[in-house]
Amino acid sequence: MDSGKNGNTYTCCDARLKCINLEGGTKWRDNGYRGITWENGNYTYSVSWRENSNEGMYLNIYNKDKRILRRKLVAIAPPHPSP
């Protein structure tokens, strides 16, 4: 996930290097959770996390009202410049 300049951009590529770039996400807060949600046709992408927790962030993808994917996001360190 790429947070973009305003934190409302989602960029992701699958194993076949098919990528998606969504902008203008909606930030939300509900029952101790926070997140950002993007709409793309029949699909909804949502990244969420529990406030005040080290549980991590999760990506959920829905097709219409059915969840088709839930994955824990893993942080990747930025590459170090060559000496």
C-alpha atoms as a PDB file:
ATOM      1  CA  MET A   1       0.000   0.000   0.000  1.00  0.00           C
ATOM      2  CA  ASP A   2       1.233   3.448  -0.899  1.00  0.00           C
ATOM      3  CA  SER A   3      -0.183   6.087   1.413  1.00  0.00           C
ATOM      4  CA  GLY A   4       0.391   8.908  -1.078  1.00  0.00           C
ATOM      5  CA  LYS A   5       0.810  12.517  -0.070  1.00  0.00           C
ATOM      6  CA  ASN A   6      -2.565  12.780   1.651  1.00  0.00           C
ATOM      7  CA  GLY A   7      -2.887   9.197   2.916  1.00  0.00           C
ATOM      8  CA  ASN A   8      -5.911   8.597   0.670  1.00  0.00           C
ATOM      9  CA  THR A   9      -4.183   6.678  -2.151  1.00  0.00           C
ATOM     10  CA  TYR A  10      -4.041   2.883  -2.488  1.00  0.00           C
ATOM     11  CA  THR A  11      -1.611   1.203  -4.884  1.00  0.00           C
ATOM     12  CA  CYS A  12      -1.097  -2.551  -5.024  1.00  0.00           C
ATOM     13  CA  CYS A  13       0.114  -5.189  -7.487  1.00  0.00           C
ATOM     14  CA  ASP A  14      -0.720  -8.882  -7.535  1.00  0.00           C
ATOM     15  CA  ALA A  15       1.662 -11.784  -8.229  1.00  0.00           C
ATOM     16  CA  ARG A  16       1.144 -11.338 -11.999  1.00  0.00           C
ATOM     17  CA  LEU A  17       2.147  -7.666 -11.667  1.00  0.00           C
ATOM     18  CA  LYS A  18      -1.369  -6.445 -12.431  1.00  0.00           C
ATOM     19  CA  CYS A  19      -1.593  -3.185 -10.491  1.00  0.00           C
ATOM     20  CA  ILE A  20      -4.374  -0.954  -9.259  1.00  0.00           C
ATOM     21  CA  ASN A  21      -4.124   2.674  -8.188  1.00  0.00           C
ATOM     22  CA  LEU A  22      -7.090   4.141  -6.301  1.00  0.00           C
ATOM     23  CA  GLU A  23      -7.290   7.735  -5.106  1.00  0.00           C
ATOM     24  CA  GLY A  24      -9.688   9.749  -2.980  1.00  0.00           C
ATOM     25  CA  GLY A  25     -10.321   7.206  -0.253  1.00  0.00           C
ATOM     26  CA  THR A  26     -12.774   7.937   2.546  1.00  0.00           C
ATOM     27  CA  LYS A  27     -11.358   7.889   6.085  1.00  0.00           C
ATOM     28  CA  TRP A  28     -13.602   6.427   8.788  1.00  0.00           C
ATOM     29  CA  ARG A  29     -13.698   5.539  12.502  1.00  0.00           C
ATOM     30  CA  ASP A  30     -16.073   2.985  14.076  1.00  0.00           C
ATOM     31  CA  ASN A  31     -16.133   1.104  17.389  1.00  0.00           C
ATOM     32  CA  GLY A  32     -12.394   1.368  18.103  1.00  0.00           C
ATOM     33  CA  TYR A  33     -11.336   0.797  14.491  1.00  0.00           C
ATOM     34  CA  ARG A  34     -10.063   3.253  11.907  1.00  0.00           C
ATOM     35  CA  GLY A  35      -9.598   2.858   8.201  1.00  0.00           C
ATOM     36  CA  ILE A  36      -9.731   4.128   4.662  1.00  0.00           C
ATOM     37  CA  THR A  37     -12.095   2.802   1.996  1.00  0.00           C
ATOM     38  CA  TRP A  38     -11.960   3.085  -1.808  1.00  0.00           C
ATOM     39  CA  GLU A  39     -14.649   2.251  -4.375  1.00  0.00           C
ATOM     40  CA  ASN A  40     -13.831   0.796  -7.808  1.00  0.00           C
ATOM     41  CA  GLY A  41     -16.852  -0.394  -9.791  1.00  0.00           C
ATOM     42  CA  ASN A  42     -18.402  -3.370  -7.960  1.00  0.00           C
ATOM     43  CA  TYR A  43     -15.322  -3.614  -5.712  1.00  0.00           C
ATOM     44  CA  THR A  44     -14.622  -1.954  -2.382  1.00  0.00           C
ATOM     45  CA  TYR A  45     -11.107  -1.915  -0.916  1.00  0.00           C
ATOM     46  CA  SER A  46     -10.682  -1.151   2.765  1.00  0.00           C
ATOM     47  CA  VAL A  47      -7.557  -0.897   4.911  1.00  0.00           C
ATOM     48  CA  SER A  48      -8.346  -0.914   8.628  1.00  0.00           C
ATOM     49  CA  TRP A  49      -6.663  -1.139  12.019  1.00  0.00           C
ATOM     50  CA  ARG A  50      -7.653  -1.221  15.679  1.00  0.00           C
ATOM     51  CA  GLU A  51      -6.871   2.012  17.506  1.00  0.00           C
ATOM     52  CA  ASN A  52      -4.266   1.811  20.296  1.00  0.00           C
ATOM     53  CA  SER A  53      -3.205  -1.686  19.247  1.00  0.00           C
ATOM     54  CA  ASN A  54      -0.150  -3.347  17.716  1.00  0.00           C
ATOM     55  CA  GLU A  55      -2.399  -5.852  15.933  1.00  0.00           C
ATOM     56  CA  GLY A  56      -1.487  -4.517  12.481  1.00  0.00           C
ATOM     57  CA  MET A  57      -3.403  -3.371   9.444  1.00  0.00           C
ATOM     58  CA  TYR A  58      -5.744  -5.466   7.318  1.00  0.00           C
ATOM     59  CA  LEU A  59      -6.834  -5.218   3.710  1.00  0.00           C
ATOM     60  CA  ASN A  60     -10.383  -6.331   2.934  1.00  0.00           C
ATOM     61  CA  ILE A  61     -11.721  -6.514  -0.609  1.00  0.00           C
ATOM     62  CA  TYR A  62     -15.444  -6.827  -1.273  1.00  0.00           C
ATOM     63  CA  ASN A  63     -17.265  -7.616  -4.517  1.00  0.00           C
ATOM     64  CA  LYS A  64     -20.657  -5.986  -4.064  1.00  0.00           C
ATOM     65  CA  ASP A  65     -21.485  -6.988  -0.441  1.00  0.00           C
ATOM     66  CA  LYS A  66     -19.426 -10.202  -0.294  1.00  0.00           C
ATOM     67  CA  ARG A  67     -15.904 -10.173   1.191  1.00  0.00           C
ATOM     68  CA  ILE A  68     -13.575 -11.957  -1.229  1.00  0.00           C
ATOM     69  CA  LEU A  69     -10.223 -11.274   0.484  1.00  0.00           C
ATOM     70  CA  ARG A  70      -8.859 -10.460   3.946  1.00  0.00           C
ATOM     71  CA  ARG A  71      -5.088 -10.160   4.402  1.00  0.00           C
ATOM     72  CA  LYS A  72      -2.829  -8.760   7.064  1.00  0.00           C
ATOM     73  CA  LEU A  73      -0.542  -6.131   5.557  1.00  0.00           C
ATOM     74  CA  VAL A  74       3.183  -6.558   6.060  1.00  0.00           C
ATOM     75  CA  ALA A  75       5.444  -3.538   6.263  1.00  0.00           C
ATOM     76  CA  ILE A  76       8.327  -3.517   3.795  1.00  0.00           C
ATOM     77  CA  ALA A  77      11.369  -1.407   4.589  1.00  0.00           C
ATOM     78  CA  PRO A  78      12.366   1.051   1.882  1.00  0.00           C
ATOM     79  CA  PRO A  79      15.488   0.066  -0.057  1.00  0.00           C
ATOM     80  CA  HIS A  80      18.773   1.424   1.269  1.00  0.00           C
ATOM     81  CA  PRO A  81      20.784   3.583  -1.126  1.00  0.00           C
ATOM     82  CA  SER A  82      23.909   1.963  -2.521  1.00  0.00           C
ATOM     83  CA  PRO A  83      27.173   3.241  -1.010  1.00  0.00           C
END
